[in-house]
Amino acid sequence: MSAPGPLLIEVGRLLRGPLGECVPDAAVLVVAGKIAAAGPRESVVAPESARRLAFPGATLVPGLIDGHLHLSMDGGSDPVGALLAADPDAVAAGMAERAARLVASGVTTVRDLGDRPPRITGLRREIDAGTRPGPRILAALAPLTPPGGHCWFFGGEVTGEAAMRELVRANAEAGADVIKVMASGGSLTPGGAAMWESQFTQAEVKAVVAEAHALGLPVAAHAHGTESIEFAVDAGVDTIEHCYWLAGDAQWHRRADIARRMAVAGIAACCTAGPRDWLVQRETLGEAAARPLFDRIAWLDELGVPILPGSDGGVRNAVFGEYAGLLGMYEWLGFSPERVLELATSSAADILGLSSVTGRVLPGLDADLLVVDGDPRTSTSVLADVRLVVARGRVVA
């Protein structure tokens, strides 16, 4: 990435972030890593020393936000096996390469929801210092799980409320931005609880939330099962990951009453899907059979639940650098392309507590910017046609 300096970007149109705000023939001035000015081209005055980049016909939007991924895993056919077999240097190199791939594709902020410290905190420190390319990282560090439970290999195995509170404090001291609790089992960890089975009691989840909130940290609850979703909502978590509403093997049990409580409380649903997975499911199962796997997202949205896009990058076949492919799923589900862009930028920043930092193209915010060919209001696929990425004022080569 190039060193930060005054930068003027001229584009055919500027989408500031919130729905409907388009400025034609626009310019953005970046100074000292921040957006200094943004608006009609003739109104943005740059110093003589500014580097000038012009993209006629292109669109400038806020950098994209991926709400759920795992940089330590490779997205291959056996990501856990590959992680456990790799030596520390190889894991670190893989994480750095994936971070660089993400930011080059226009993703300038991510939530990493599970890794062992100091791997993720070390990478975050290097990216923050500008010595490595990558997105802003919000890190959960070791997620809380019972012995042998889902994602035990991240080092967060705990038993009982006292141990759970202790790990919350340890993660906070180690630099966690968010606390992750594995409220249900998952498919990634053979031998543990099934996806629909709860791993912790309602009281234990409440203890995690109470401890985290007392430290000023939000809580993300991994919850596939309907019971675990209810436990998480009762506890007052901030986001629910996956949110499949499973009540048994291949059975769904959606609870509109619980979803409405999520809406009232502002608890967001990060319904993850790999950028290619939804396409594979459509091709394998057919349109009619595949849609029920994903349309819970539209159902939750209709009930007023905040929606946070997340790729689950790193798990099986969830590849990095193709976030626009995931956003295409939302368009398939009936969201307008402009609404999808809002979900992945300004709305995501609001949900993650970053609205004063990123998610919009406004003076004073960090210069997290993406320039793409064409107009992404016509199709989310345009977001893959990257011309320029700026991450916290640094131009990504």
Protein backbone atom coordinates (compact mmCIF):
# COMPACT_ATOMS: atom_id res chain seq x y z
CA MET A 1 0.00 0.00 0.00
CA SER A 2 1.19 3.49 -0.73
CA ALA A 3 2.02 5.88 2.11
CA PRO A 4 -0.83 8.18 3.20
CA GLY A 5 -0.84 11.68 1.70
CA PRO A 6 -3.31 14.17 0.22
CA LEU A 7 -5.37 12.35 -2.37
CA LEU A 8 -8.14 13.63 -4.68
CA ILE A 9 -10.40 11.02 -6.27
CA GLU A 10 -12.77 12.13 -9.06
CA VAL A 11 -15.62 9.84 -10.11
CA GLY A 12 -18.75 9.79 -12.20
CA ARG A 13 -20.95 9.34 -9.13
CA LEU A 14 -20.62 9.14 -5.35
CA LEU A 15 -22.87 6.98 -3.18
CA ARG A 16 -22.30 8.27 0.33
CA GLY A 17 -23.68 5.22 2.10
CA PRO A 18 -27.29 5.77 3.23
CA LEU A 19 -29.94 4.69 0.75
CA GLY A 20 -30.66 7.18 -2.01
CA GLU A 21 -27.78 9.62 -1.52
CA CYS A 22 -26.10 9.92 -4.93
CA VAL A 23 -23.85 12.80 -5.99
CA PRO A 24 -23.09 12.92 -9.75
CA ASP A 25 -19.72 14.16 -11.08
CA ALA A 26 -18.20 13.97 -7.60
CA ALA A 27 -14.87 14.13 -5.84
CA VAL A 28 -13.46 12.99 -2.49
CA LEU A 29 -10.43 14.53 -0.83
CA VAL A 30 -8.40 12.39 1.58
CA VAL A 31 -5.98 14.03 4.01
CA ALA A 32 -4.07 12.27 6.80
CA GLY A 33 -6.15 9.11 6.44
CA LYS A 34 -9.47 10.91 6.84
CA ILE A 35 -12.12 12.14 4.43
CA ALA A 36 -11.52 15.90 4.30
CA ALA A 37 -14.24 16.72 1.77
CA ALA A 38 -16.76 14.86 -0.39
CA GLY A 39 -19.34 16.21 -2.81
CA PRO A 40 -19.77 17.77 -6.27
CA ARG A 41 -16.40 17.93 -8.01
CA GLU A 42 -16.31 21.70 -8.31
CA SER A 43 -16.88 22.11 -4.56
CA VAL A 44 -13.94 19.95 -3.46
CA VAL A 45 -10.70 21.95 -3.42
CA ALA A 46 -7.47 19.97 -3.15
CA PRO A 47 -3.99 21.23 -2.24
CA GLU A 48 -1.46 21.46 -5.07
CA SER A 49 0.49 18.58 -3.51
CA ALA A 50 -2.45 16.17 -3.72
CA ARG A 51 -2.20 13.03 -5.79
CA ARG A 52 -5.07 13.06 -8.29
CA LEU A 53 -6.91 10.00 -9.60
CA ALA A 54 -9.80 10.25 -12.05
CA PHE A 55 -12.32 7.49 -12.83
CA PRO A 56 -14.91 8.83 -15.29
CA GLY A 57 -18.03 6.67 -15.36
CA ALA A 58 -17.05 4.88 -12.15
CA THR A 59 -18.79 4.96 -8.77
CA LEU A 60 -17.23 5.63 -5.37
CA VAL A 61 -18.86 3.90 -2.38
CA PRO A 62 -17.84 3.28 1.24
CA GLY A 63 -15.52 0.33 1.81
CA LEU A 64 -17.43 -2.92 2.35
CA ILE A 65 -17.87 -4.55 5.76
CA ASP A 66 -17.86 -8.34 6.29
CA GLY A 67 -19.54 -9.08 9.60
CA HIS A 68 -18.29 -12.65 10.19
CA LEU A 69 -15.16 -14.51 9.12
CA HIS A 70 -12.12 -16.44 10.37
CA LEU A 71 -8.78 -15.33 8.93
CA SER A 72 -6.86 -18.27 10.42
CA MET A 73 -8.75 -20.80 8.27
CA ASP A 74 -8.19 -21.31 4.55
CA GLY A 75 -11.70 -21.94 3.22
CA GLY A 76 -10.65 -25.31 1.78
CA SER A 77 -12.35 -28.70 2.03
CA ASP A 78 -10.91 -29.32 5.54
CA PRO A 79 -10.13 -25.93 7.08
CA VAL A 80 -9.86 -27.20 10.65
CA GLY A 81 -7.54 -30.05 9.70
CA ALA A 82 -5.38 -27.67 7.69
CA LEU A 83 -5.21 -25.20 10.58
CA LEU A 84 -4.25 -27.86 13.14
CA ALA A 85 -1.61 -29.37 10.85
CA ALA A 86 0.07 -26.09 9.90
CA ASP A 87 3.07 -24.66 11.75
CA PRO A 88 2.73 -21.18 13.31
CA ASP A 89 4.64 -19.41 10.54
CA ALA A 90 2.43 -20.95 7.87
CA VAL A 91 -0.74 -19.95 9.73
CA ALA A 92 0.52 -16.37 10.10
CA ALA A 93 1.49 -16.17 6.43
CA GLY A 94 -1.91 -17.51 5.37
CA MET A 95 -3.74 -15.00 7.54
CA ALA A 96 -1.71 -12.11 6.10
CA GLU A 97 -2.35 -13.28 2.53
CA ARG A 98 -6.09 -13.58 3.14
CA ALA A 99 -6.24 -10.15 4.77
CA ALA A 100 -4.49 -8.64 1.74
CA ARG A 101 -6.89 -10.42 -0.62
CA LEU A 102 -9.89 -9.09 1.31
CA VAL A 103 -8.85 -5.45 1.25
CA ALA A 104 -7.87 -5.63 -2.42
CA SER A 105 -11.43 -6.77 -3.17
CA GLY A 106 -12.92 -3.72 -1.42
CA VAL A 107 -13.57 -5.12 2.06
CA THR A 108 -12.10 -2.56 4.45
CA THR A 109 -13.59 -3.77 7.77
CA VAL A 110 -14.15 -7.29 9.11
CA ARG A 111 -15.19 -9.05 12.31
CA ASP A 112 -12.96 -12.04 12.97
CA LEU A 113 -15.14 -14.21 15.20
CA GLY A 114 -12.71 -16.82 16.42
CA ASP A 115 -8.97 -17.30 16.64
CA ARG A 116 -6.24 -17.87 19.19
CA PRO A 117 -4.44 -14.78 20.45
CA PRO A 118 -1.86 -13.51 19.71
CA ARG A 119 -2.27 -14.60 16.06
CA ILE A 120 -5.15 -12.31 15.18
CA THR A 121 -4.05 -9.46 17.45
CA GLY A 122 -0.56 -9.54 15.94
CA LEU A 123 -1.94 -9.28 12.40
CA ARG A 124 -4.31 -6.52 13.46
CA ARG A 125 -1.39 -4.58 14.95
CA GLU A 126 0.61 -4.84 11.71
CA ILE A 127 -2.34 -3.72 9.59
CA ASP A 128 -3.07 -0.81 11.92
CA ALA A 129 0.58 0.27 11.67
CA GLY A 130 0.46 0.14 7.88
CA THR A 131 3.19 -2.48 7.58
CA ARG A 132 0.79 -5.01 6.03
CA PRO A 133 -2.23 -4.48 3.76
CA GLY A 134 -5.53 -5.54 5.23
CA PRO A 135 -8.90 -4.44 6.52
CA ARG A 136 -9.73 -2.99 9.92
CA ILE A 137 -10.19 -6.02 12.19
CA LEU A 138 -12.67 -6.35 15.04
CA ALA A 139 -11.49 -9.48 16.83
CA ALA A 140 -13.30 -11.86 19.18
CA LEU A 141 -10.18 -13.89 20.07
CA ALA A 142 -11.02 -17.28 21.67
CA PRO A 143 -14.77 -17.99 21.56
CA LEU A 144 -16.33 -19.52 24.67
CA THR A 145 -17.23 -23.17 24.18
CA PRO A 146 -17.53 -26.23 26.49
CA PRO A 147 -14.72 -28.84 26.60
CA GLY A 148 -14.64 -30.49 23.18
CA GLY A 149 -17.37 -28.12 22.01
CA HIS A 150 -17.75 -26.29 18.74
CA CYS A 151 -14.45 -24.63 17.73
CA TRP A 152 -12.61 -25.89 20.83
CA PHE A 153 -9.37 -25.60 18.82
CA PHE A 154 -9.37 -21.80 19.28
CA GLY A 155 -8.60 -22.35 22.96
CA GLY A 156 -11.79 -21.08 24.56
CA GLU A 157 -12.95 -24.22 26.41
CA VAL A 158 -14.71 -23.34 29.70
CA THR A 159 -16.93 -25.03 32.27
CA GLY A 160 -19.30 -23.12 34.52
CA GLU A 161 -20.18 -19.46 34.97
CA ALA A 162 -17.07 -18.53 36.93
CA ALA A 163 -14.73 -19.84 34.22
CA MET A 164 -16.83 -18.21 31.53
CA ARG A 165 -16.62 -14.82 33.22
CA GLU A 166 -12.89 -15.28 33.70
CA LEU A 167 -12.34 -15.97 29.98
CA VAL A 168 -14.41 -12.92 29.05
CA ARG A 169 -12.09 -10.80 31.21
CA ALA A 170 -8.99 -12.49 29.77
CA ASN A 171 -10.14 -11.84 26.21
CA ALA A 172 -10.86 -8.21 27.06
CA GLU A 173 -7.39 -7.78 28.55
CA ALA A 174 -5.85 -9.39 25.44
CA GLY A 175 -7.52 -6.83 23.18
CA ALA A 176 -10.86 -8.34 22.17
CA ASP A 177 -13.32 -6.00 20.44
CA VAL A 178 -16.22 -8.42 20.85
CA ILE A 179 -16.96 -11.53 22.93
CA LYS A 180 -18.09 -14.65 21.07
CA VAL A 181 -20.09 -17.38 22.79
CA MET A 182 -20.88 -20.69 21.10
CA ALA A 183 -24.46 -20.98 22.28
CA SER A 184 -25.12 -23.97 20.02
CA GLY A 185 -23.12 -26.69 18.34
CA GLY A 186 -21.97 -26.56 14.74
CA SER A 187 -21.08 -28.67 11.75
CA LEU A 188 -17.41 -27.66 11.72
CA THR A 189 -16.47 -29.66 14.84
CA PRO A 190 -17.16 -33.43 14.66
CA GLY A 191 -18.05 -35.08 17.95
CA GLY A 192 -19.49 -32.00 19.60
CA ALA A 193 -23.08 -30.88 20.03
CA ALA A 194 -25.31 -30.94 16.96
CA MET A 195 -26.10 -27.64 15.26
CA TRP A 196 -29.54 -27.43 16.88
CA GLU A 197 -28.36 -28.38 20.38
CA SER A 198 -27.54 -25.75 22.99
CA GLN A 199 -24.04 -25.89 24.47
CA PHE A 200 -24.69 -23.60 27.45
CA THR A 201 -27.60 -23.00 29.78
CA GLN A 202 -29.64 -19.83 29.65
CA ALA A 203 -28.02 -18.69 32.93
CA GLU A 204 -24.53 -19.23 31.52
CA VAL A 205 -25.23 -17.16 28.41
CA LYS A 206 -26.63 -14.41 30.63
CA ALA A 207 -23.45 -14.48 32.72
CA VAL A 208 -21.31 -14.00 29.60
CA VAL A 209 -23.40 -11.03 28.46
CA ALA A 210 -23.38 -9.42 31.89
CA GLU A 211 -19.58 -9.71 32.19
CA ALA A 212 -18.92 -8.49 28.64
CA HIS A 213 -21.31 -5.55 28.83
CA ALA A 214 -19.79 -4.51 32.16
CA LEU A 215 -16.47 -4.27 30.29
CA GLY A 216 -18.05 -2.30 27.45
CA LEU A 217 -17.83 -5.15 24.94
CA PRO A 218 -20.63 -6.45 22.68
CA VAL A 219 -21.49 -10.15 22.51
CA ALA A 220 -21.91 -12.26 19.37
CA ALA A 221 -23.75 -15.54 19.93
CA HIS A 222 -23.18 -18.45 17.55
CA ALA A 223 -26.69 -19.91 17.52
CA HIS A 224 -28.08 -22.31 14.92
CA GLY A 225 -30.82 -23.79 17.09
CA THR A 226 -34.12 -22.17 17.98
CA GLU A 227 -33.54 -22.82 21.70
CA SER A 228 -30.06 -21.28 21.59
CA ILE A 229 -31.42 -18.26 19.72
CA GLU A 230 -34.04 -17.81 22.45
CA PHE A 231 -31.36 -18.11 25.16
CA ALA A 232 -29.27 -15.47 23.37
CA VAL A 233 -32.18 -13.06 23.01
CA ASP A 234 -33.15 -13.52 26.66
CA ALA A 235 -29.55 -12.78 27.65
CA GLY A 236 -29.44 -9.56 25.62
CA VAL A 237 -26.65 -10.39 23.16
CA ASP A 238 -25.82 -7.85 20.46
CA THR A 239 -25.72 -10.10 17.40
CA ILE A 240 -26.83 -13.63 16.63
CA GLU A 241 -24.62 -15.49 14.17
CA HIS A 242 -26.06 -17.89 11.56
CA CYS A 243 -29.58 -17.82 13.09
CA TYR A 244 -30.88 -20.91 11.29
CA TRP A 245 -33.82 -21.68 13.64
CA LEU A 246 -33.07 -25.40 13.75
CA ALA A 247 -35.13 -27.58 16.08
CA GLY A 248 -33.88 -30.99 15.02
CA ASP A 249 -32.10 -32.78 12.22
CA ALA A 250 -32.92 -30.83 9.01
CA GLN A 251 -35.96 -29.27 10.67
CA TRP A 252 -36.65 -25.54 10.97
CA HIS A 253 -38.71 -23.94 13.70
CA ARG A 254 -38.90 -20.20 13.12
CA ARG A 255 -40.29 -18.24 16.03
CA ALA A 256 -41.79 -14.91 14.96
CA ASP A 257 -42.26 -13.90 18.60
CA ILE A 258 -38.52 -14.24 19.27
CA ALA A 259 -37.63 -12.48 16.01
CA ARG A 260 -39.88 -9.56 16.96
CA ARG A 261 -38.08 -9.35 20.30
CA MET A 262 -34.81 -9.17 18.39
CA ALA A 263 -36.21 -6.29 16.36
CA VAL A 264 -37.36 -4.37 19.42
CA ALA A 265 -34.04 -4.89 21.21
CA GLY A 266 -31.97 -4.08 18.11
CA ILE A 267 -30.29 -7.52 18.14
CA ALA A 268 -28.88 -8.04 14.66
CA ALA A 269 -28.86 -11.30 12.73
CA CYS A 270 -25.63 -12.14 10.89
CA CYS A 271 -26.99 -14.92 8.68
CA THR A 272 -23.76 -16.16 7.16
CA ALA A 273 -23.30 -17.74 3.74
CA GLY A 274 -20.24 -18.44 1.65
CA PRO A 275 -19.89 -16.28 -1.49
CA ARG A 276 -20.17 -19.38 -3.67
CA ASP A 277 -22.17 -21.67 -1.38
CA TRP A 278 -25.59 -20.26 -2.17
CA LEU A 279 -24.90 -20.64 -5.89
CA VAL A 280 -23.79 -24.24 -5.40
CA GLN A 281 -26.95 -24.97 -3.39
CA ARG A 282 -29.14 -23.46 -6.12
CA GLU A 283 -27.41 -25.56 -8.76
CA THR A 284 -27.41 -28.77 -6.72
CA LEU A 285 -30.85 -28.60 -5.12
CA GLY A 286 -32.73 -26.48 -7.62
CA GLU A 287 -34.32 -23.09 -7.07
CA ALA A 288 -37.37 -24.25 -5.11
CA ALA A 289 -35.41 -26.42 -2.66
CA ALA A 290 -32.51 -23.99 -2.20
CA ARG A 291 -34.49 -20.87 -1.41
CA PRO A 292 -35.79 -22.08 2.02
CA LEU A 293 -32.16 -22.45 3.15
CA PHE A 294 -31.65 -18.70 2.80
CA ASP A 295 -35.00 -16.92 2.84
CA ARG A 296 -34.96 -16.63 6.63
CA ILE A 297 -32.90 -13.49 5.96
CA ALA A 298 -35.76 -11.81 4.10
CA TRP A 299 -38.21 -13.09 6.76
CA LEU A 300 -36.15 -11.53 9.55
CA ASP A 301 -35.82 -8.30 7.59
CA GLU A 302 -39.59 -8.10 7.13
CA LEU A 303 -40.00 -8.45 10.90
CA GLY A 304 -37.64 -5.52 11.47
CA VAL A 305 -34.54 -7.42 12.62
CA PRO A 306 -31.29 -5.61 11.72
CA ILE A 307 -29.41 -7.62 9.09
CA LEU A 308 -25.60 -7.86 9.03
CA PRO A 309 -24.02 -9.59 6.01
CA GLY A 310 -21.25 -12.06 6.83
CA SER A 311 -19.38 -14.53 4.63
CA ASP A 312 -18.12 -16.93 7.34
CA GLY A 313 -14.90 -16.73 5.32
CA GLY A 314 -12.43 -19.47 6.16
CA VAL A 315 -14.89 -22.29 6.79
CA ARG A 316 -15.40 -25.01 4.24
CA ASN A 317 -15.63 -23.53 0.72
CA ALA A 318 -16.13 -19.97 2.03
CA VAL A 319 -13.44 -18.24 0.00
CA PHE A 320 -11.91 -14.83 0.66
CA GLY A 321 -11.94 -11.93 -1.79
CA GLU A 322 -15.35 -12.64 -3.36
CA TYR A 323 -17.64 -10.68 -1.05
CA ALA A 324 -19.62 -9.28 -3.99
CA GLY A 325 -20.67 -12.87 -4.68
CA LEU A 326 -22.24 -13.13 -1.24
CA LEU A 327 -24.06 -9.82 -1.71
CA GLY A 328 -25.58 -11.25 -4.88
CA MET A 329 -27.50 -13.67 -2.66
CA TYR A 330 -29.36 -10.78 -1.07
CA GLU A 331 -30.34 -9.52 -4.51
CA TRP A 332 -31.59 -13.03 -5.34
CA LEU A 333 -33.70 -12.94 -2.16
CA GLY A 334 -35.42 -9.75 -3.33
CA PHE A 335 -33.35 -6.96 -1.77
CA SER A 336 -32.65 -4.08 -4.16
CA PRO A 337 -28.95 -3.66 -5.10
CA GLU A 338 -28.90 -0.25 -3.42
CA ARG A 339 -30.33 -1.70 -0.20
CA VAL A 340 -27.73 -4.48 -0.28
CA LEU A 341 -24.97 -1.88 -0.57
CA GLU A 342 -26.44 -0.09 2.45
CA LEU A 343 -26.49 -3.35 4.44
CA ALA A 344 -22.80 -3.93 3.70
CA THR A 345 -21.69 -0.36 4.50
CA SER A 346 -23.57 2.21 6.58
CA SER A 347 -25.99 -0.23 8.21
CA ALA A 348 -23.17 -2.66 9.07
CA ALA A 349 -21.16 0.19 10.59
CA ASP A 350 -24.15 1.17 12.73
CA ILE A 351 -24.62 -2.41 13.98
CA LEU A 352 -20.93 -2.79 14.82
CA GLY A 353 -20.69 0.55 16.63
CA LEU A 354 -18.48 2.07 13.93
CA SER A 355 -20.75 4.78 12.54
CA SER A 356 -18.43 7.50 13.82
CA VAL A 357 -15.48 5.80 12.12
CA THR A 358 -16.51 4.25 8.79
CA GLY A 359 -19.42 3.08 6.64
CA ARG A 360 -20.17 6.40 4.96
CA VAL A 361 -18.34 8.87 2.73
CA LEU A 362 -18.52 11.87 5.03
CA PRO A 363 -15.89 14.40 6.19
CA GLY A 364 -14.19 13.36 9.41
CA LEU A 365 -14.60 9.60 8.93
CA ASP A 366 -11.75 7.27 8.06
CA ALA A 367 -11.09 7.15 4.32
CA ASP A 368 -12.38 3.63 3.64
CA LEU A 369 -13.35 3.90 -0.01
CA LEU A 370 -14.11 1.65 -2.96
CA VAL A 371 -14.25 2.73 -6.61
CA VAL A 372 -15.98 0.34 -9.04
CA ASP A 373 -16.77 0.41 -12.72
CA GLY A 374 -20.39 1.17 -13.49
CA ASP A 375 -23.27 1.77 -11.09
CA PRO A 376 -23.79 -0.75 -8.24
CA ARG A 377 -27.39 0.43 -7.89
CA THR A 378 -28.12 -1.66 -10.98
CA SER A 379 -26.51 -4.89 -9.75
CA THR A 380 -24.39 -6.05 -6.83
CA SER A 381 -22.11 -7.75 -9.37
CA VAL A 382 -20.68 -4.31 -10.20
CA LEU A 383 -18.98 -4.33 -6.78
CA ALA A 384 -16.58 -6.98 -8.10
CA ASP A 385 -15.31 -4.60 -10.81
CA VAL A 386 -12.80 -2.91 -8.53
CA ARG A 387 -10.82 0.09 -9.80
CA LEU A 388 -9.44 1.44 -6.52
CA VAL A 389 -9.50 0.65 -2.82
CA VAL A 390 -8.49 3.07 -0.08
CA ALA A 391 -8.26 1.68 3.46
CA ARG A 392 -7.88 4.26 6.25
CA GLY A 393 -6.37 6.66 3.73
CA ARG A 394 -3.89 4.16 2.29
CA VAL A 395 -4.23 3.31 -1.39
CA VAL A 396 -4.22 -0.45 -1.85
CA ALA A 397 -1.95 -1.41 -4.74
